[in-house]
Amino acid sequence: GFFLDGDLVVTNAHVVAGVQVPRIQSQNGGEIPGAVVAFDPDRDLAVLRVDPTLAEPLPVAPGIANRGTAGAVVGYPGGGDLTGVKAAVRREMTAVGRDIYGRDTVEREIYELQTHVVPGNSGGPFVTSNGVVTGVVFAASTSNDGVGYALTTGELRPVLSRARTGAGRVGTGPCIR
């Protein structure tokens, strides 16, 4: 995940599904509890509130990135160290798929990225070279190792709004394993 607004951490809903007491680990090995304050299994997004802040918040892009926009996918691939891998927008599109539970058909505005995404990148940001969050990584292509997918910031905004204005902790549904 990554920090926004100083005390909010964005990640994928599939990362925290079924978790009762989430904990956020910092790069230096520290750990603090968090509370899930927004959970959207259709968009595959979740927002956690933490205190104190472990990192600087990242700015969010106001609109859609153009084809060729370069940046990096940042995450903890394979559960290892924080890593950034070069990425570029191949195209923006509307994807039709299933929610994280495989129950409902949903549409999402996504980026197809030219990059290598592995487990551990889920919920991490796609950032431009100036550190602006342009998308939230959620999947890798099953047919092309050099293609990954990120939700646009347009998908993030309503979930983030619910997190900012909500009453507090929300449920995370059942585990998806």
Protein backbone atom coordinates (compact mmCIF):
# COMPACT_ATOMS: atom_id res chain seq x y z
CA GLY A 1 0.00 0.00 0.00
CA PHE A 2 0.91 3.66 0.11
CA PHE A 3 0.11 6.73 2.20
CA LEU A 4 -2.31 9.50 1.24
CA ASP A 5 -3.46 12.39 3.45
CA GLY A 6 -0.85 11.54 6.08
CA ASP A 7 -2.91 8.96 7.97
CA LEU A 8 -4.61 6.98 5.17
CA VAL A 9 -3.08 3.93 3.52
CA VAL A 10 -4.47 2.74 0.18
CA THR A 11 -4.22 -0.91 -0.84
CA ASN A 12 -6.28 -3.54 -2.67
CA ALA A 13 -9.38 -5.01 -1.06
CA HIS A 14 -8.08 -8.51 -1.84
CA VAL A 15 -5.04 -7.75 0.35
CA VAL A 16 -7.13 -7.12 3.51
CA ALA A 17 -10.19 -9.30 2.80
CA GLY A 18 -11.10 -11.22 5.95
CA VAL A 19 -8.51 -9.43 8.11
CA GLN A 20 -9.87 -8.45 11.52
CA VAL A 21 -6.95 -6.37 12.85
CA PRO A 22 -4.69 -5.17 10.03
CA ARG A 23 -1.14 -4.14 10.81
CA ILE A 24 1.01 -1.85 8.69
CA GLN A 25 4.73 -2.52 8.48
CA SER A 26 7.19 0.25 7.81
CA GLN A 27 10.33 -0.07 5.72
CA ASN A 28 12.45 -0.10 8.89
CA GLY A 29 10.57 -3.07 10.34
CA GLY A 30 8.26 -1.13 12.64
CA GLU A 31 4.60 -2.11 12.80
CA ILE A 32 1.44 -0.26 13.81
CA PRO A 33 -2.24 -1.24 13.87
CA GLY A 34 -4.63 0.15 11.28
CA ALA A 35 -8.38 0.33 10.87
CA VAL A 36 -10.06 -0.36 7.54
CA VAL A 37 -12.26 2.69 6.90
CA ALA A 38 -13.28 1.91 3.29
CA PHE A 39 -13.59 -1.48 1.59
CA ASP A 40 -14.81 -1.88 -1.99
CA PRO A 41 -14.72 -5.45 -3.33
CA ASP A 42 -16.03 -4.30 -6.74
CA ARG A 43 -13.18 -1.84 -7.32
CA ASP A 44 -10.71 -4.00 -5.36
CA LEU A 45 -9.73 -1.05 -3.18
CA ALA A 46 -9.41 -0.57 0.56
CA VAL A 47 -8.31 2.36 2.71
CA LEU A 48 -6.89 2.05 6.21
CA ARG A 49 -6.47 4.78 8.83
CA VAL A 50 -3.29 4.69 10.91
CA ASP A 51 -1.75 6.74 13.67
CA PRO A 52 1.05 7.76 13.78
CA THR A 53 2.09 8.35 10.20
CA LEU A 54 4.96 6.16 9.01
CA ALA A 55 5.64 7.85 5.68
CA GLU A 56 5.08 10.99 3.66
CA PRO A 57 1.77 11.03 1.76
CA LEU A 58 1.91 10.84 -2.03
CA PRO A 59 0.03 13.27 -4.29
CA VAL A 60 -2.68 11.84 -6.57
CA ALA A 61 -2.98 12.67 -10.27
CA PRO A 62 -6.10 14.67 -11.10
CA GLY A 63 -6.89 12.93 -14.38
CA ILE A 64 -6.19 10.10 -16.78
CA ALA A 65 -2.62 9.44 -17.90
CA ASN A 66 -1.89 9.34 -21.62
CA ARG A 67 -0.46 6.40 -23.53
CA GLY A 68 3.29 6.34 -22.99
CA THR A 69 3.21 8.01 -19.56
CA ALA A 70 6.29 6.64 -17.84
CA GLY A 71 6.83 5.85 -14.20
CA ALA A 72 7.23 2.90 -11.88
CA VAL A 73 5.25 0.22 -10.11
CA VAL A 74 6.29 0.37 -6.45
CA GLY A 75 5.78 -2.49 -4.03
CA TYR A 76 7.23 -5.41 -2.14
CA PRO A 77 7.47 -8.09 -4.83
CA GLY A 78 7.46 -11.58 -3.38
CA GLY A 79 7.28 -10.07 0.11
CA GLY A 80 10.82 -8.72 -0.26
CA ASP A 81 12.25 -5.24 -0.06
CA LEU A 82 10.59 -2.09 -1.37
CA THR A 83 11.25 -2.02 -5.11
CA GLY A 84 10.35 0.19 -8.03
CA VAL A 85 10.08 -1.35 -11.50
CA LYS A 86 9.89 0.76 -14.65
CA ALA A 87 6.39 0.98 -16.11
CA ALA A 88 4.52 2.85 -18.83
CA VAL A 89 0.87 3.22 -19.77
CA ARG A 90 0.01 1.12 -22.82
CA ARG A 91 -3.61 2.21 -22.76
CA GLU A 92 -6.50 3.24 -20.54
CA MET A 93 -9.63 1.12 -20.87
CA THR A 94 -12.85 -0.07 -19.30
CA ALA A 95 -12.39 -3.64 -18.11
CA VAL A 96 -15.29 -5.96 -17.41
CA GLY A 97 -14.54 -8.63 -14.83
CA ARG A 98 -15.59 -10.00 -11.47
CA ASP A 99 -15.45 -8.56 -7.97
CA ILE A 100 -12.78 -10.00 -5.66
CA TYR A 101 -15.13 -12.80 -4.61
CA GLY A 102 -16.01 -13.81 -8.18
CA ARG A 103 -19.70 -13.14 -7.53
CA ASP A 104 -20.70 -10.02 -9.44
CA THR A 105 -19.73 -8.64 -12.84
CA VAL A 106 -18.14 -5.20 -12.53
CA GLU A 107 -16.65 -2.54 -14.80
CA ARG A 108 -13.46 -0.75 -13.83
CA GLU A 109 -11.44 2.02 -15.45
CA ILE A 110 -7.93 0.65 -15.62
CA TYR A 111 -4.51 1.10 -17.16
CA GLU A 112 -2.79 -1.64 -19.06
CA LEU A 113 0.86 -1.14 -18.09
CA GLN A 114 4.04 -2.28 -19.78
CA THR A 115 5.74 -3.70 -16.68
CA HIS A 116 6.29 -6.88 -14.72
CA VAL A 117 3.83 -7.28 -11.81
CA VAL A 118 4.20 -10.05 -9.22
CA PRO A 119 2.50 -10.90 -5.91
CA GLY A 120 3.56 -8.21 -3.46
CA ASN A 121 2.94 -5.41 -5.95
CA SER A 122 -0.82 -5.59 -5.28
CA GLY A 123 -2.11 -2.38 -3.73
CA GLY A 124 1.06 -0.48 -4.50
CA PRO A 125 1.08 2.67 -6.59
CA PHE A 126 1.89 3.27 -10.21
CA VAL A 127 3.73 6.58 -9.88
CA THR A 128 5.04 8.95 -12.51
CA SER A 129 8.68 10.03 -12.48
CA ASN A 130 7.78 13.01 -10.27
CA GLY A 131 6.19 10.78 -7.59
CA VAL A 132 2.51 11.39 -8.40
CA VAL A 133 0.18 8.40 -7.94
CA THR A 134 -1.45 7.70 -11.28
CA GLY A 135 -2.93 4.27 -10.50
CA VAL A 136 -3.23 1.43 -7.98
CA VAL A 137 -1.73 -1.88 -9.11
CA PHE A 138 -4.11 -4.82 -8.80
CA ALA A 139 -3.17 -7.61 -11.23
CA ALA A 140 -0.72 -9.12 -13.67
CA SER A 141 -1.58 -10.44 -17.10
CA THR A 142 -2.03 -14.20 -17.18
CA SER A 143 -0.77 -14.39 -20.76
CA ASN A 144 2.05 -11.81 -20.92
CA ASP A 145 4.71 -11.44 -18.19
CA GLY A 146 5.43 -7.90 -19.37
CA VAL A 147 1.90 -6.57 -18.73
CA GLY A 148 0.28 -5.49 -15.48
CA TYR A 149 -2.89 -3.63 -14.57
CA ALA A 150 -3.64 -0.65 -12.35
CA LEU A 151 -6.91 1.03 -11.39
CA THR A 152 -7.10 4.68 -12.45
CA THR A 153 -7.28 7.43 -9.83
CA GLY A 154 -10.86 7.95 -11.01
CA GLU A 155 -11.66 4.56 -9.44
CA LEU A 156 -9.79 5.55 -6.27
CA ARG A 157 -11.52 8.90 -5.65
CA PRO A 158 -14.98 7.65 -4.49
CA VAL A 159 -13.41 5.07 -2.16
CA LEU A 160 -11.05 7.68 -0.75
CA SER A 161 -13.99 10.05 -0.25
CA ARG A 162 -15.85 7.39 1.76
CA ALA A 163 -12.74 6.87 3.88
CA ARG A 164 -12.40 10.59 4.60
CA THR A 165 -16.07 11.13 5.50
CA GLY A 166 -17.04 7.74 6.95
CA ALA A 167 -17.90 6.97 10.54
CA GLY A 168 -14.93 4.71 11.17
CA ARG A 169 -14.00 1.05 10.92
CA VAL A 170 -15.78 -1.07 8.28
CA GLY A 171 -15.89 -4.81 7.66
CA THR A 172 -13.56 -6.52 5.22
CA GLY A 173 -15.82 -9.39 4.17
CA PRO A 174 -14.64 -12.98 4.06
CA CYS A 175 -11.11 -14.06 3.22
CA ILE A 176 -10.71 -14.86 -0.48
CA ARG A 177 -8.25 -17.77 -0.11
